[in-house]
Each structure stands twice: as C-alpha cells, then as structure tokens.
Amino acid sequence: MMSAADGVRPMRADARRNRERILLVARAAFAERGVGCSLDDIARQARVGPGTLYRHFPSREALLDAAMAGWVDDVCASGAAILAEADDPLEAVRRWFSRLLDHVLVHKGASAMVAAMGDPSSPLYASCSRIREANETVLSTAGDTGRLRAGVEPDPVARLVLGICALAGDVGMPRGEAEAMLEIVHRGVTR
C-alpha cells in the first residue's frame, strides 16, 4: 500500500514498533557507553535481529543521527533561548558554550558529530549543520556588536567547543575543568 502523496509505502505497525524500540535502546546505550557501543547488543536489547536494525539504520551514523534527533532539537532551541534571555552578547556566548557542555555530558554522541561536521556524505551532516547554524547565530550576535574578535569563524569555534565538550564526556573530565577550557575559548574569540 503506497502513500499517494510521496509514492512511499507506509511502514507496517510491527516495523514501526521495532524501529522505535531500537531507537529507545540506542539512545540509552549511546548516552551510557558512547557511540562505539556494540550495535549487536543494541539489536539484542531491542529484541530484534541485526538485520532488522540494519534495515532501519544502514550504518552506525544513521542510527546515531536518528537517536540524537531530539537532542539536536534541544541544542538548537538552547541557542535561541539564550539569545532571548541574555542582554549581553558576551554572556550569551559564555552561556551557549556552557549549555553545549550540559547537552554533551548527557549524550556521548558529540564526538561523532564533531567528526561529521565537515563531511557532507555523513548521515550526521544535516544535524551537524543545524548545530553549526545555532552556533553561528549566537556568535554573530556578539559579532554584530563588535564583541567578537576579527577573523573568528563560527565553524572552527563550534568544532573546538564541541571537541572540548566531547572530551569531557568521553573521559569523565570534571565539569569545572571543562568549563575552564571553555572560558579560554571564550576569552580567545571575544573582546
């Protein structure tokens, strides 16, 4: 039975339930063990075979992208909320960096996001682009007021900040140490 609107057959109810179970288990696994966790374990915990997992998600990155969709929405909404709340653009940048750290410490998939930022062929690229756009919006507010250093580009800043956040999450770095590193970035990109 094909959908007249797009020529795509609607997903059967059992397939939809399998997909949702895989995503539920994957979110927990990625948050707890990081993106390198076993996909076979995810399939087993979701009570499906590996073939079912790969039918829905042909690669680890595709599964990660689907599992992190809500997380990416939250990250992007954080940028907009910070801009709405902050009177000072420098404080907005500082809060943005801190909020990214909050998000990454909850979800250990950020290191894969950093790696996919420059790879348009990656299934994560669209999600990365949304985070880059949110970062650019926050930084451009500081730039519009002359508080961003000349020559600072949003993409390298996003990679640097997400890299620090991912490192903090991956190695269990104390939050204070990660915040101190983010403050160095903040001082380096603003004036």
Foldseek 3Di string as FASTA:
>chain_A
DADPVPRHDDDDPVLVLLLVLLLVLQQVCCQVPNLPDDSCVSCVSSVHGPVSVCVVAVDSQSSVQVSCVVLLVVLLVLLVVLVVPDPDLLVSLLVNLVVLLVSCLRGLHLVVLLVCCPPPVGSCPVSNVSNLVSQCVSVVVCVVVVFFDPPDDSSVLVSVSSVLSNVCNNVVPPPVVSSVVVVVSSVVTTD
